[in-house]
N, C-alpha and C. Protein backbone atom coordinates (compact mmCIF):
# COMPACT_ATOMS: atom_id res chain seq x y z
N MET A 1 20.72 -11.94 -17.20
CA MET A 1 21.03 -11.64 -15.61
C MET A 1 21.41 -12.83 -15.02
N GLU A 2 21.94 -13.23 -14.60
CA GLU A 2 22.83 -14.34 -13.86
C GLU A 2 22.28 -13.91 -11.89
N PRO A 3 21.97 -15.51 -11.37
CA PRO A 3 22.42 -14.91 -9.73
C PRO A 3 23.68 -14.53 -9.58
N ARG A 4 23.34 -14.63 -7.81
CA ARG A 4 24.73 -13.57 -7.36
C ARG A 4 25.36 -15.39 -7.02
N LEU A 5 24.01 -15.56 -6.07
CA LEU A 5 24.72 -17.13 -5.42
C LEU A 5 23.16 -17.92 -6.28
N ASN A 6 23.03 -19.91 -5.87
CA ASN A 6 22.21 -19.96 -6.18
C ASN A 6 21.07 -20.69 -4.81
N ILE A 7 19.94 -19.73 -5.01
CA ILE A 7 19.32 -19.16 -3.34
C ILE A 7 18.29 -21.21 -3.42
N PHE A 8 17.80 -21.67 -4.84
CA PHE A 8 17.52 -22.84 -4.29
C PHE A 8 18.43 -23.96 -3.71
N GLY A 9 19.85 -23.66 -3.81
CA GLY A 9 20.73 -25.19 -4.11
C GLY A 9 21.14 -24.97 -2.92
N SER A 10 21.28 -24.27 -2.05
CA SER A 10 22.25 -24.25 -0.59
C SER A 10 21.44 -24.30 0.42
N PRO A 11 21.43 -25.19 1.53
CA PRO A 11 21.21 -25.66 2.88
C PRO A 11 20.03 -24.54 3.74
N VAL A 12 21.31 -23.42 3.55
CA VAL A 12 20.50 -22.15 4.35
C VAL A 12 19.42 -21.92 4.03
N SER A 13 19.39 -21.32 2.66
CA SER A 13 18.58 -20.38 1.79
C SER A 13 17.01 -21.28 1.55
N ALA A 14 17.19 -22.74 2.31
CA ALA A 14 16.68 -23.22 1.72
C ALA A 14 15.48 -23.94 2.43
N LYS A 15 16.13 -23.66 4.07
CA LYS A 15 15.47 -23.76 5.91
C LYS A 15 15.18 -21.90 6.09
N LEU A 16 16.04 -21.21 4.88
CA LEU A 16 15.07 -19.65 5.66
C LEU A 16 13.89 -19.60 4.89
N ILE A 17 14.32 -20.08 3.05
CA ILE A 17 12.50 -19.57 2.48
C ILE A 17 11.14 -20.59 2.83
N LYS A 18 11.72 -21.72 4.05
CA LYS A 18 11.14 -22.54 4.39
C LYS A 18 10.40 -21.66 5.86
N HIS A 19 11.12 -20.96 6.40
CA HIS A 19 10.41 -20.77 7.56
C HIS A 19 9.59 -18.89 7.61
N LEU A 20 9.99 -18.57 5.81
CA LEU A 20 9.33 -17.41 5.70
C LEU A 20 8.09 -18.13 4.78
N VAL A 21 8.00 -18.78 4.17
CA VAL A 21 7.05 -19.40 3.31
C VAL A 21 5.75 -20.07 4.59
N ALA A 22 6.11 -20.30 5.82
CA ALA A 22 5.58 -21.16 6.57
C ALA A 22 4.31 -19.66 7.76
N ALA A 23 5.39 -18.90 7.23
CA ALA A 23 4.93 -17.51 7.97
C ALA A 23 3.93 -16.89 7.40
N GLY A 24 4.48 -17.14 5.93
CA GLY A 24 3.21 -16.62 4.58
C GLY A 24 2.21 -17.32 4.67
N ARG A 25 2.12 -18.71 5.36
CA ARG A 25 0.46 -19.82 5.27
C ARG A 25 -0.17 -18.96 6.34
N VAL A 26 0.70 -18.69 7.61
CA VAL A 26 -0.28 -18.16 8.81
C VAL A 26 -1.43 -17.11 7.83
N VAL A 27 -0.78 -15.82 7.65
CA VAL A 27 -0.24 -14.71 7.13
C VAL A 27 -1.76 -15.25 6.07
N GLU A 28 -1.85 -15.93 5.07
CA GLU A 28 -3.16 -16.64 4.24
C GLU A 28 -4.21 -16.91 5.00
N ASP A 29 -4.02 -17.59 6.05
CA ASP A 29 -5.24 -17.94 6.27
C ASP A 29 -6.63 -17.06 7.79
N ALA A 30 -5.57 -15.64 7.57
CA ALA A 30 -6.34 -14.65 8.54
C ALA A 30 -7.47 -13.46 7.71
N GLY A 31 -7.85 -14.34 6.91
CA GLY A 31 -9.34 -14.13 6.53
C GLY A 31 -8.91 -11.99 5.32
N VAL A 32 -7.62 -12.38 5.34
CA VAL A 32 -7.50 -10.74 3.66
C VAL A 32 -8.12 -11.65 2.15
N PRO A 33 -8.37 -10.91 1.96
CA PRO A 33 -8.54 -11.86 0.40
C PRO A 33 -7.38 -11.95 -0.01
N LEU A 34 -7.22 -13.27 -0.96
CA LEU A 34 -6.12 -13.05 -1.83
C LEU A 34 -5.44 -12.09 -2.93
N THR A 35 -7.30 -12.20 -3.68
CA THR A 35 -6.22 -11.03 -4.48
C THR A 35 -5.73 -9.66 -3.80
N THR A 36 -5.99 -9.37 -2.90
CA THR A 36 -5.64 -8.22 -1.98
C THR A 36 -4.70 -8.22 -1.85
N GLN A 37 -4.09 -9.72 -0.74
CA GLN A 37 -2.62 -9.85 -1.14
C GLN A 37 -1.75 -10.58 -1.87
N GLU A 38 -2.71 -10.69 -3.12
CA GLU A 38 -1.66 -10.31 -3.75
C GLU A 38 -1.45 -9.42 -4.95
N LEU A 39 -2.21 -8.09 -4.44
CA LEU A 39 -2.48 -6.61 -5.12
C LEU A 39 -0.83 -5.92 -3.80
N VAL A 40 -0.94 -6.03 -2.41
CA VAL A 40 -0.16 -5.97 -1.56
C VAL A 40 1.64 -6.38 -1.63
N LYS A 41 2.25 -7.62 -2.36
CA LYS A 41 2.58 -8.05 -2.74
C LYS A 41 3.39 -7.42 -4.12
N ILE A 42 2.32 -7.22 -4.92
CA ILE A 42 3.43 -6.60 -6.40
C ILE A 42 3.83 -4.91 -5.93
N ARG A 43 2.60 -4.52 -5.38
CA ARG A 43 2.72 -3.00 -4.94
C ARG A 43 4.42 -2.74 -4.14
N ALA A 44 4.36 -3.94 -2.58
CA ALA A 44 5.56 -3.48 -2.38
C ALA A 44 6.75 -3.93 -3.56
N SER A 45 6.74 -4.85 -4.47
CA SER A 45 7.47 -5.41 -5.35
C SER A 45 7.55 -4.50 -6.15
N GLN A 46 6.91 -3.70 -6.79
CA GLN A 46 7.05 -2.07 -7.37
C GLN A 46 8.19 -1.25 -6.79
N ILE A 47 7.77 -1.07 -6.12
CA ILE A 47 8.93 0.00 -4.99
C ILE A 47 10.10 -0.23 -4.42
N ASN A 48 10.20 -1.95 -4.86
CA ASN A 48 11.58 -2.40 -4.07
C ASN A 48 12.29 -2.94 -5.37
N GLY A 49 11.92 -2.44 -6.47
CA GLY A 49 11.90 -3.18 -7.80
C GLY A 49 12.69 -4.47 -7.95
N CYS A 50 12.22 -5.82 -7.17
CA CYS A 50 12.34 -7.33 -7.36
C CYS A 50 11.10 -7.72 -8.38
N ALA A 51 12.01 -7.69 -9.37
CA ALA A 51 11.64 -8.25 -10.83
C ALA A 51 10.71 -10.00 -10.65
N GLY A 52 11.82 -10.53 -10.07
CA GLY A 52 11.26 -12.11 -9.01
C GLY A 52 10.02 -11.75 -8.53
N CYS A 53 9.53 -11.26 -7.63
CA CYS A 53 8.17 -11.32 -7.06
C CYS A 53 7.11 -10.21 -7.30
N LEU A 54 7.60 -9.46 -9.11
CA LEU A 54 6.21 -8.86 -9.53
C LEU A 54 5.80 -10.20 -10.35
N ASP A 55 7.25 -11.07 -11.37
CA ASP A 55 6.73 -12.08 -11.81
C ASP A 55 6.11 -13.16 -11.33
N MET A 56 6.80 -13.78 -9.99
CA MET A 56 5.65 -14.79 -9.48
C MET A 56 4.33 -13.90 -8.85
N HIS A 57 3.53 -13.09 -8.32
CA HIS A 57 2.58 -12.38 -8.27
C HIS A 57 1.90 -11.57 -9.16
N THR A 58 2.55 -11.10 -10.05
CA THR A 58 1.55 -11.00 -10.58
C THR A 58 0.45 -12.32 -11.89
N LYS A 59 1.77 -13.18 -11.77
CA LYS A 59 0.88 -14.53 -12.39
C LYS A 59 0.66 -15.15 -11.14
N GLU A 60 0.12 -15.38 -9.92
CA GLU A 60 -0.24 -15.89 -8.45
C GLU A 60 -1.40 -14.87 -8.78
N ALA A 61 -1.33 -13.65 -9.05
CA ALA A 61 -2.46 -12.62 -8.77
C ALA A 61 -4.08 -13.26 -10.08
N VAL A 62 -3.19 -13.67 -11.21
CA VAL A 62 -4.25 -13.77 -12.57
C VAL A 62 -4.83 -15.11 -12.12
N ALA A 63 -3.75 -15.84 -11.50
CA ALA A 63 -4.31 -17.16 -11.25
C ALA A 63 -5.38 -18.15 -10.09
N ALA A 64 -5.41 -16.04 -9.41
CA ALA A 64 -6.97 -16.09 -7.72
C ALA A 64 -7.81 -15.10 -8.58
N GLY A 65 -7.85 -14.50 -10.34
CA GLY A 65 -8.82 -14.14 -11.03
C GLY A 65 -8.70 -13.06 -11.43
N GLU A 66 -7.60 -12.33 -11.47
CA GLU A 66 -7.08 -10.76 -11.31
C GLU A 66 -7.14 -11.05 -12.79
N THR A 67 -7.85 -9.29 -13.00
CA THR A 67 -8.11 -8.77 -14.09
C THR A 67 -6.28 -7.97 -14.79
N ALA A 68 -6.59 -7.86 -15.70
CA ALA A 68 -5.12 -7.99 -16.33
C ALA A 68 -5.48 -5.92 -16.76
N VAL A 69 -6.13 -5.18 -16.54
CA VAL A 69 -6.69 -4.02 -15.77
C VAL A 69 -5.76 -3.63 -14.75
N ARG A 70 -6.82 -3.93 -13.90
CA ARG A 70 -5.98 -4.04 -12.55
C ARG A 70 -4.86 -3.90 -12.49
N LEU A 71 -4.22 -5.07 -12.97
CA LEU A 71 -2.57 -4.97 -12.72
C LEU A 71 -2.05 -4.35 -13.13
N ALA A 72 -2.85 -3.90 -14.33
CA ALA A 72 -1.78 -3.32 -15.14
C ALA A 72 -1.56 -1.59 -14.34
N LEU A 73 -3.02 -1.29 -13.06
CA LEU A 73 -3.23 -0.39 -12.80
C LEU A 73 -2.52 -0.32 -11.28
N VAL A 74 -1.55 -1.40 -10.83
CA VAL A 74 -1.64 -1.80 -8.86
C VAL A 74 -0.77 -0.04 -9.32
N ALA A 75 0.79 0.17 -9.61
CA ALA A 75 1.11 1.33 -9.67
C ALA A 75 0.45 2.44 -9.17
N ALA A 76 -0.42 2.73 -9.90
CA ALA A 76 -0.95 4.20 -10.30
C ALA A 76 -2.88 4.15 -9.27
N TRP A 77 -2.57 3.11 -8.90
CA TRP A 77 -3.70 3.24 -8.23
C TRP A 77 -4.62 4.09 -7.33
N ARG A 78 -3.84 4.81 -6.33
CA ARG A 78 -4.95 6.48 -5.94
C ARG A 78 -5.29 7.14 -7.48
N GLU A 79 -5.13 6.77 -8.33
CA GLU A 79 -5.75 7.59 -9.88
C GLU A 79 -6.52 6.59 -10.43
N ALA A 80 -6.75 5.22 -9.70
CA ALA A 80 -7.78 4.03 -10.42
C ALA A 80 -8.98 3.88 -9.57
N LYS A 81 -10.16 3.84 -10.82
CA LYS A 81 -11.24 3.87 -10.14
C LYS A 81 -11.83 1.82 -9.50
N VAL A 82 -10.73 1.60 -9.67
CA VAL A 82 -10.60 -0.38 -10.06
C VAL A 82 -11.14 -1.04 -8.28
N PHE A 83 -10.20 -0.14 -7.77
CA PHE A 83 -10.42 -1.04 -6.26
C PHE A 83 -10.97 -0.20 -5.51
N THR A 84 -11.75 -1.23 -5.12
CA THR A 84 -12.70 -0.99 -3.59
C THR A 84 -11.54 -0.34 -2.43
N GLU A 85 -12.33 -0.13 -1.47
CA GLU A 85 -12.12 1.47 -0.51
C GLU A 85 -10.73 0.04 0.45
N ALA A 86 -11.39 -0.64 0.16
CA ALA A 86 -10.90 -1.62 1.30
C ALA A 86 -9.59 -1.93 0.53
N GLU A 87 -8.88 -2.21 -0.40
CA GLU A 87 -7.76 -2.81 -1.49
C GLU A 87 -6.83 -1.72 -1.35
N ARG A 88 -7.76 -0.33 -1.56
CA ARG A 88 -7.39 0.90 -1.17
C ARG A 88 -6.40 0.85 0.04
N ALA A 89 -6.94 0.93 0.57
CA ALA A 89 -5.89 0.70 2.31
C ALA A 89 -4.88 -0.24 2.50
N ALA A 90 -5.48 -0.60 2.04
CA ALA A 90 -4.32 -1.71 2.42
C ALA A 90 -2.61 -1.66 1.50
N LEU A 91 -3.10 -0.88 0.07
CA LEU A 91 -2.18 -0.77 -0.61
C LEU A 91 -1.26 0.63 0.08
N ALA A 92 -2.25 1.37 0.38
CA ALA A 92 -1.41 2.75 1.20
C ALA A 92 -0.67 2.38 2.44
N LEU A 93 -1.35 1.81 3.22
CA LEU A 93 -0.50 0.74 4.57
C LEU A 93 0.87 0.12 3.90
N ALA A 94 1.02 -0.60 2.84
CA ALA A 94 1.86 -1.41 1.76
C ALA A 94 3.19 0.08 1.22
N GLU A 95 2.67 0.62 0.95
CA GLU A 95 3.10 1.31 0.94
C GLU A 95 4.32 2.53 1.14
N HIS A 96 2.66 2.73 2.68
CA HIS A 96 3.95 3.40 3.48
C HIS A 96 4.95 2.31 4.90
N GLY A 97 4.13 1.05 4.32
CA GLY A 97 4.91 -0.04 5.30
C GLY A 97 6.11 -0.45 4.45
N THR A 98 6.47 0.20 3.23
CA THR A 98 7.38 -1.07 2.61
C THR A 98 8.22 0.75 2.10
N ARG A 99 8.04 1.89 2.76
CA ARG A 99 8.58 2.73 2.31
C ARG A 99 9.68 3.64 3.99
N LEU A 100 9.74 2.86 4.52
CA LEU A 100 10.03 3.27 6.00
C LEU A 100 11.18 3.65 6.56
N ALA A 101 11.73 3.65 4.78
CA ALA A 101 13.20 4.68 5.29
C ALA A 101 13.32 6.02 5.12
N ASP A 102 12.11 6.29 4.38
CA ASP A 102 11.87 8.04 3.98
C ASP A 102 11.82 8.70 5.14
N GLY A 103 11.76 8.03 6.38
CA GLY A 103 11.49 8.34 7.31
C GLY A 103 9.66 9.15 8.49
N TYR A 104 9.12 9.00 7.69
CA TYR A 104 7.13 8.62 7.81
C TYR A 104 6.98 8.27 8.39
N GLY A 105 7.41 6.32 8.32
CA GLY A 105 6.61 5.07 8.93
C GLY A 105 5.49 5.49 8.45
N VAL A 106 4.42 4.49 9.52
CA VAL A 106 3.14 4.50 8.72
C VAL A 106 2.02 6.31 9.46
N PRO A 107 1.62 6.81 9.02
CA PRO A 107 0.49 7.41 9.34
C PRO A 107 -0.76 6.82 9.76
N ASP A 108 -1.14 7.68 11.52
CA ASP A 108 -1.73 7.51 12.20
C ASP A 108 -3.45 7.21 11.35
N GLU A 109 -3.51 8.46 9.99
CA GLU A 109 -4.78 8.47 9.29
C GLU A 109 -4.68 7.62 8.05
N VAL A 110 -3.54 6.51 8.03
CA VAL A 110 -3.28 5.55 7.35
C VAL A 110 -3.45 4.05 7.93
N TRP A 111 -3.14 4.29 9.05
CA TRP A 111 -3.61 3.06 9.74
C TRP A 111 -4.93 2.82 9.94
N GLU A 112 -5.80 3.76 10.98
CA GLU A 112 -6.90 4.00 10.98
C GLU A 112 -7.80 3.75 9.93
N ASN A 113 -7.25 3.97 8.51
CA ASN A 113 -8.15 4.01 7.16
C ASN A 113 -8.22 2.29 6.86
N ALA A 114 -7.70 1.45 7.17
CA ALA A 114 -7.21 0.52 7.13
C ALA A 114 -7.73 -0.13 8.33
N ALA A 115 -7.35 0.49 9.52
CA ALA A 115 -8.75 -0.44 10.64
C ALA A 115 -10.08 -0.41 10.19
N LYS A 116 -11.14 0.36 9.19
CA LYS A 116 -11.96 0.45 8.80
C LYS A 116 -12.58 -0.73 7.83
N HIS A 117 -11.47 -0.84 7.67
CA HIS A 117 -11.51 -2.60 6.26
C HIS A 117 -11.31 -3.83 7.12
N TYR A 118 -10.12 -3.67 7.82
CA TYR A 118 -9.64 -5.22 8.51
C TYR A 118 -9.66 -5.35 10.24
N ASP A 119 -10.07 -6.29 10.61
CA ASP A 119 -9.73 -6.44 12.18
C ASP A 119 -8.75 -6.19 12.86
N ASP A 120 -8.62 -6.39 13.73
CA ASP A 120 -7.27 -6.30 14.37
C ASP A 120 -6.34 -7.88 13.25
N ASP A 121 -6.77 -9.12 13.35
CA ASP A 121 -6.30 -10.18 13.03
C ASP A 121 -6.15 -9.21 11.93
N GLN A 122 -5.95 -9.20 10.84
CA GLN A 122 -6.12 -9.07 9.76
C GLN A 122 -4.95 -7.79 9.82
N LEU A 123 -5.32 -6.61 10.62
CA LEU A 123 -4.27 -5.90 10.09
C LEU A 123 -2.69 -6.41 10.76
N LEU A 124 -2.48 -8.02 11.30
CA LEU A 124 -1.78 -8.26 11.85
C LEU A 124 -0.95 -8.62 10.51
N ALA A 125 -1.76 -9.38 9.90
CA ALA A 125 -1.69 -10.47 8.92
C ALA A 125 -1.44 -9.42 7.65
N LEU A 126 -2.13 -8.34 7.13
CA LEU A 126 -1.34 -6.85 6.43
C LEU A 126 0.44 -6.76 6.64
N THR A 127 0.43 -6.40 7.67
CA THR A 127 1.29 -5.94 8.09
C THR A 127 2.57 -6.80 8.54
N SER A 128 2.16 -8.28 8.81
CA SER A 128 2.83 -9.48 8.62
C SER A 128 3.31 -9.49 6.75
N LEU A 129 2.31 -9.58 6.17
CA LEU A 129 2.26 -9.75 5.05
C LEU A 129 3.57 -8.44 4.16
N ILE A 130 3.38 -7.97 4.19
CA ILE A 130 4.06 -6.18 3.75
C ILE A 130 5.66 -6.87 4.60
N ALA A 131 5.89 -6.77 5.87
CA ALA A 131 7.56 -7.67 6.03
C ALA A 131 7.89 -8.52 5.69
N LEU A 132 6.99 -9.51 5.06
CA LEU A 132 7.43 -10.63 4.64
C LEU A 132 7.55 -10.58 2.95
N ILE A 133 6.85 -9.80 1.77
CA ILE A 133 7.61 -9.41 0.76
C ILE A 133 8.09 -8.97 1.03
N ASN A 134 8.46 -7.27 1.74
CA ASN A 134 9.84 -6.95 1.75
C ASN A 134 10.64 -8.09 1.93
N ALA A 135 10.96 -8.41 3.20
CA ALA A 135 11.94 -9.48 2.87
C ALA A 135 12.58 -10.05 1.58
N PHE A 136 11.61 -10.76 1.00
CA PHE A 136 11.88 -11.67 -0.04
C PHE A 136 12.51 -11.00 -1.09
N ASN A 137 11.59 -9.50 -1.07
CA ASN A 137 12.34 -8.64 -1.83
C ASN A 137 13.53 -7.95 -2.08
N ARG A 138 14.24 -7.77 -0.74
CA ARG A 138 15.95 -8.00 -0.71
C ARG A 138 16.46 -9.16 -0.61
N LEU A 139 16.38 -10.08 -0.36
CA LEU A 139 16.93 -11.89 -1.13
C LEU A 139 16.67 -11.45 -2.35
N ASN A 140 15.44 -11.08 -2.87
CA ASN A 140 15.91 -11.40 -4.52
C ASN A 140 17.11 -10.31 -5.14
N VAL A 141 16.23 -9.05 -5.17
CA VAL A 141 16.82 -7.75 -5.32
C VAL A 141 18.77 -8.17 -4.77
N MET A 142 18.92 -8.38 -3.53
CA MET A 142 20.53 -8.28 -3.59
C MET A 142 21.11 -9.58 -4.23
N LEU A 143 20.48 -10.63 -4.13
CA LEU A 143 21.14 -11.97 -5.15
C LEU A 143 20.80 -11.86 -6.62
N GLN A 144 19.90 -11.21 -7.00
CA GLN A 144 20.07 -10.54 -8.29
C GLN A 144 19.36 -11.59 -8.88
N VAL A 145 18.71 -12.35 -8.75
CA VAL A 145 17.14 -13.29 -8.78
C VAL A 145 16.41 -12.58 -10.46
N PRO A 146 16.42 -13.30 -11.56
CA PRO A 146 16.01 -12.99 -12.92
C PRO A 146 15.01 -13.32 -12.55
N ALA A 147 14.07 -12.82 -13.44
CA ALA A 147 12.54 -13.11 -13.10
C ALA A 147 12.34 -13.18 -14.69
N GLY A 148 10.64 -14.11 -14.42
CA GLY A 148 10.15 -14.51 -15.89
C GLY A 148 10.10 -15.62 -16.56
N ASP A 149 10.00 -16.97 -15.72
CA ASP A 149 9.96 -18.30 -15.91
C ASP A 149 8.98 -18.82 -15.40
N TYR A 150 8.42 -17.42 -14.28
CA TYR A 150 7.85 -18.53 -13.13
C TYR A 150 6.47 -18.69 -13.59
N VAL A 151 5.72 -19.53 -12.70
CA VAL A 151 4.07 -20.71 -13.44
C VAL A 151 3.88 -20.89 -11.99
N ALA A 152 2.57 -20.11 -12.34
CA ALA A 152 1.36 -20.24 -11.71
C ALA A 152 1.76 -21.03 -10.43
N GLY A 153 1.80 -20.89 -8.97
CA GLY A 153 1.57 -22.79 -8.46
C GLY A 153 2.76 -23.35 -8.04
N GLN A 154 4.32 -22.50 -8.69
CA GLN A 154 5.44 -23.61 -9.07
C GLN A 154 5.95 -23.06 -7.25
N ALA A 155 5.58 -22.00 -6.98
CA ALA A 155 6.42 -21.53 -5.38
C ALA A 155 5.20 -22.95 -4.26
N ALA A 156 3.91 -22.96 -4.30
CA ALA A 156 3.36 -24.25 -3.50
C ALA A 156 3.61 -25.14 -3.51
N ALA A 157 4.58 -25.99 -5.20
CA ALA A 157 4.20 -27.21 -5.13
C ALA A 157 5.88 -27.35 -5.39
N MET A 158 6.70 -26.41 -4.78
CA MET A 158 8.38 -26.40 -4.10
C MET A 158 8.34 -26.67 -2.65
N HIS A 159 7.18 -26.24 -1.98
CA HIS A 159 7.21 -25.64 -0.46
C HIS A 159 6.20 -26.37 -0.01
N ALA A 160 5.36 -27.85 -0.87
CA ALA A 160 4.23 -28.41 -0.44
C ALA A 160 4.68 -29.77 0.97
């Protein structure tokens, strides 16, 4: 598959991505474990069918210490015993925040469960992270950005 546009060659997209990445850095520093952040990005990317983000965040999760078993079970996290209650709360929030078009929003019980595990700043970070990964997913899917050649740390090096 060839991308519809060269997202890395456009001054407009470079500026946009720079701002999205900067917002992501704020989220990274809010105290949510890095592996939880990657699990949330992976789950949203699975739902949205974004191969580019799945490639990137699976490799970043491995670099952060995630195991193959946990990564293989992200899509079936409800039935898997390998996730903590805090990770489950973040994954539920990610699913509901990603599926807003289904018309259910984020149910109070999902929010309240997340609030048991994360403070206000962390909850804001998680909701922002979900919004950001959804933005990246939509860009990549609409532009048909191919996947498979990402190397862990590549994004950080490009945006340093």
